[in-house]
Protein backbone atom coordinates (compact mmCIF):
# COMPACT_ATOMS: atom_id res chain seq x y z
CA MET A 1 -6.41 -15.36 39.04
CA PHE A 2 -3.52 -17.59 40.13
CA ARG A 3 -1.70 -17.49 36.80
CA LYS A 4 1.59 -15.72 36.28
CA VAL A 5 1.18 -12.21 34.86
CA VAL A 6 2.34 -11.86 31.24
CA THR A 7 3.81 -8.50 30.41
CA GLU A 8 3.72 -7.44 26.76
CA GLN A 9 7.06 -6.08 25.57
CA TYR A 10 5.30 -3.92 22.96
CA PRO A 11 7.83 -1.55 21.47
CA LYS A 12 10.51 -4.23 21.28
CA GLU A 13 8.28 -7.17 20.33
CA LYS A 14 5.49 -6.47 17.88
CA PHE A 15 2.91 -9.14 17.29
CA PRO A 16 1.34 -9.52 13.84
CA THR A 17 -2.15 -8.19 13.36
CA ALA A 18 -5.11 -10.14 12.02
CA PRO A 19 -5.16 -10.35 8.19
CA ARG A 20 -8.25 -8.12 7.89
CA PHE A 21 -7.15 -5.58 10.49
CA HIS A 22 -8.21 -1.99 9.74
CA GLY A 23 -5.11 0.18 10.03
CA ARG A 24 -3.71 3.18 8.18
CA HIS A 25 -5.18 3.95 4.74
CA GLN A 26 -3.28 3.61 1.47
CA LEU A 27 -4.01 5.04 -1.98
CA ASN A 28 -3.16 2.37 -4.53
CA ARG A 29 -1.69 2.63 -8.03
CA TRP A 30 -2.16 0.88 -11.36
CA PRO A 31 0.76 -1.28 -12.57
CA ASP A 32 2.10 1.58 -14.72
CA GLY A 33 2.20 3.97 -11.74
CA LEU A 34 -0.97 6.00 -12.39
CA GLU A 35 -3.16 6.57 -9.34
CA LYS A 36 -6.35 4.55 -8.98
CA CYS A 37 -8.18 7.43 -7.29
CA ILE A 38 -10.50 9.20 -9.72
CA GLY A 39 -11.48 12.02 -7.35
CA CYS A 40 -15.14 10.99 -7.09
CA GLU A 41 -15.29 11.93 -3.38
CA LEU A 42 -17.49 8.92 -2.48
CA CYS A 43 -15.11 7.98 0.35
CA ALA A 44 -15.56 11.43 1.88
CA TRP A 45 -19.34 11.14 1.64
CA ALA A 46 -19.30 7.69 3.25
CA CYS A 47 -17.10 8.71 6.20
CA PRO A 48 -19.28 9.02 9.34
CA ALA A 49 -16.59 11.03 11.15
CA ASP A 50 -16.06 13.50 8.28
CA ALA A 51 -12.34 12.70 8.40
CA ILE A 52 -11.67 12.61 4.63
CA TYR A 53 -11.31 15.62 2.36
CA VAL A 54 -11.03 15.07 -1.42
CA GLU A 55 -10.80 17.69 -4.12
CA GLY A 56 -11.03 16.35 -7.66
CA ALA A 57 -9.53 17.85 -10.81
CA GLU A 58 -9.60 17.08 -14.53
CA ASN A 59 -6.88 14.99 -16.19
CA SER A 60 -5.30 16.35 -19.35
CA ASP A 61 -3.44 14.59 -22.15
CA GLN A 62 -1.90 17.90 -23.23
CA PRO A 63 1.65 18.89 -22.24
CA THR A 64 1.57 20.65 -18.86
CA VAL A 65 3.93 22.08 -16.25
CA ASP A 66 4.51 20.05 -13.07
CA ALA A 67 4.97 21.38 -9.52
CA ASP A 68 8.72 21.89 -10.11
CA GLY A 69 8.11 24.02 -13.22
CA ASN A 70 9.22 21.33 -15.70
CA THR A 71 7.21 20.67 -18.87
CA VAL A 72 5.79 17.14 -18.89
CA GLN A 73 4.28 15.19 -21.80
CA SER A 74 0.92 14.66 -20.12
CA GLY A 75 -1.04 15.97 -17.17
CA ARG A 76 -2.62 12.55 -16.57
CA PHE A 77 -2.47 11.33 -12.97
CA SER A 78 -5.14 8.61 -13.26
CA PRO A 79 -6.66 6.73 -16.20
CA GLY A 80 -10.09 8.32 -15.74
CA GLU A 81 -11.36 11.78 -16.62
CA ARG A 82 -10.58 13.04 -13.10
CA TYR A 83 -8.06 12.48 -10.33
CA GLY A 84 -7.83 13.39 -6.67
CA ARG A 85 -5.78 16.61 -6.68
CA VAL A 86 -6.09 17.04 -2.90
CA TYR A 87 -6.59 14.02 -0.65
CA GLN A 88 -6.42 14.29 3.14
CA ILE A 89 -7.34 11.98 5.99
CA ASN A 90 -7.53 13.46 9.47
CA TYR A 91 -6.58 10.67 11.87
CA LEU A 92 -7.69 12.79 14.82
CA ARG A 93 -11.25 12.16 13.56
CA CYS A 94 -10.94 8.82 11.76
CA ILE A 95 -12.52 5.88 13.59
CA LEU A 96 -10.96 3.26 11.22
CA CYS A 97 -14.38 1.80 10.41
CA GLY A 98 -13.63 0.98 6.77
CA LEU A 99 -16.80 2.49 5.25
CA CYS A 100 -14.63 4.59 2.93
CA ILE A 101 -13.07 1.39 1.58
CA GLU A 102 -16.47 -0.06 0.75
CA ALA A 103 -17.56 3.14 -1.02
CA CYS A 104 -14.54 3.34 -3.34
CA PRO A 105 -15.55 2.22 -6.87
CA THR A 106 -11.98 1.69 -8.13
CA ARG A 107 -10.44 0.00 -5.08
CA ALA A 108 -8.09 2.97 -4.88
CA LEU A 109 -8.38 3.20 -1.10
CA THR A 110 -7.46 0.25 1.10
CA MET A 111 -6.40 -0.18 4.69
CA THR A 112 -3.00 -1.53 5.69
CA ASN A 113 -2.03 -3.38 8.87
CA GLU A 114 -0.07 -0.39 10.16
CA TYR A 115 -1.48 0.62 13.54
CA GLU A 116 1.15 2.93 15.03
CA LEU A 117 -0.53 6.26 14.35
CA ALA A 118 0.17 8.11 17.60
CA ASP A 119 2.09 11.36 17.43
CA ASP A 120 2.91 14.28 19.71
CA ASN A 121 1.84 16.87 17.14
CA ARG A 122 -1.74 17.28 15.89
CA ARG A 123 -0.60 18.63 12.51
CA ASP A 124 1.28 15.38 11.74
CA LEU A 125 -1.93 13.34 12.11
CA ILE A 126 -3.49 14.92 9.03
CA PHE A 127 -2.13 12.71 6.26
CA GLU A 128 -1.79 14.31 2.83
CA LYS A 129 -1.96 12.51 -0.52
CA SER A 130 1.83 12.15 -0.62
CA ASP A 131 1.73 10.33 2.75
CA LEU A 132 -1.06 7.98 1.64
CA LEU A 133 0.10 6.99 -1.86
CA ALA A 134 1.53 3.51 -2.30
CA PRO A 135 5.24 3.54 -3.16
CA LEU A 136 6.32 3.18 -6.79
CA LEU A 137 7.34 -0.41 -7.52
CA PRO A 138 9.94 -1.39 -10.14
CA GLY A 139 8.55 -0.76 -13.62
CA MET A 140 6.19 1.99 -12.46
CA GLU A 141 6.58 5.57 -13.63
CA GLN A 142 5.97 8.67 -11.55
CA PRO A 143 2.77 10.44 -12.76
CA PRO A 144 1.86 12.54 -14.65
CA HIS A 145 2.23 10.48 -17.81
CA PRO A 146 -0.01 8.97 -20.51
CA MET A 147 -1.66 5.59 -19.92
CA LEU A 148 0.95 2.92 -20.73
CA LEU A 149 -1.16 -0.24 -20.39
CA GLY A 150 -3.55 -1.45 -23.07
CA ASP A 151 -4.40 -0.25 -26.55
CA ASP A 152 -7.62 1.42 -25.34
CA GLU A 153 -9.35 2.29 -22.06
CA GLN A 154 -11.21 -1.04 -21.79
CA ALA A 155 -7.95 -2.98 -22.18
CA TYR A 156 -6.32 -0.74 -19.57
CA TYR A 157 -8.92 -1.56 -16.92
CA ARG A 158 -8.92 -5.27 -17.79
CA GLY A 159 -5.14 -5.30 -17.33
CA GLU A 160 -4.41 -6.53 -20.86
CA ALA A 161 -0.88 -5.71 -21.95
CA ALA A 162 -0.41 -3.14 -24.68
CA THR A 163 1.39 -3.85 -27.89
CA PRO A 164 5.12 -3.25 -27.37
CA VAL A 165 6.04 0.39 -27.81
CA ASP A 166 9.36 1.38 -29.38
CA ALA A 167 11.60 2.90 -26.71
CA SER A 168 12.07 6.03 -28.82
CA GLU A 169 8.28 6.65 -28.75
CA ARG A 170 8.01 6.53 -24.95
CA PRO A 171 8.63 9.61 -22.80
CA ALA A 172 12.15 9.92 -21.39
CA ALA A 173 10.93 9.32 -17.81
CA SER A 174 9.33 6.07 -18.92
CA ARG A 175 12.55 4.89 -20.56
CA ALA A 176 14.51 5.70 -17.39
CA ALA A 177 12.05 3.76 -15.23
CA GLN A 178 12.20 0.72 -17.55
CA ALA A 179 16.01 0.64 -17.98
CA PRO A 180 16.94 -1.29 -14.80
CA SER A 181 14.34 -4.02 -15.40
CA GLU A 182 15.41 -4.48 -19.03
CA GLU A 183 19.06 -4.89 -18.03
CA ALA A 184 18.11 -7.50 -15.41
CA ALA A 185 16.19 -9.50 -18.01
CA GLN A 186 19.28 -9.84 -20.25
C-alpha cells in the first residue's frame, strides 16, 4: 500500500517466461528434416476448444511432383505411412491448455515460450503448417525426401546412424544441404 509503484516497461523490456510456459505451438522435425507429424489427428480430437484442424495424407516413396511443379525423388514428408498434409491452429479459439501436446504420440507438437500472439487481423491468427513447422537446422533437408537416418525403420526411430551413403547415391538436394557442413569439418 505504501510501496512505490513499479511500472512494467513491457515492449522494451521483456522478462523471460517460466521454463514450462505454454506458448505458441511448434511442429518438430526429425534430424534429417522429415516432419514428426504423422497426421493421426489425435491432437485435434484432444483439443477442448476445437482449435486444431488436421488432414492426413499418405506418404509415397515413388517420384512425385512438388507444389512448384518440379519432379522430386520421393513424396515422403514423414517417416511413417502418413503425414499431416493440412495442419491449422486457430489461435482465436486456442486456450493454450496443452492437451494436444499430451495426445501426440510422436512428440511432433510442442509448445514454445513465445507468447506474443496478438494481431489486428483475425485471418493472421489462424496459423498454417508452414507457420508452425520448426526451422530447418544445418544438415537437415527440405522434405519431401527418402528417410536418411538408419538402415531400417526401427533404426530410424531409435536415432541410430545409417551406414555412410556415397554422395553420388544421395539426391541432389541432400548433397547441397550437406555441402556446407562437410567443408567446415575439413
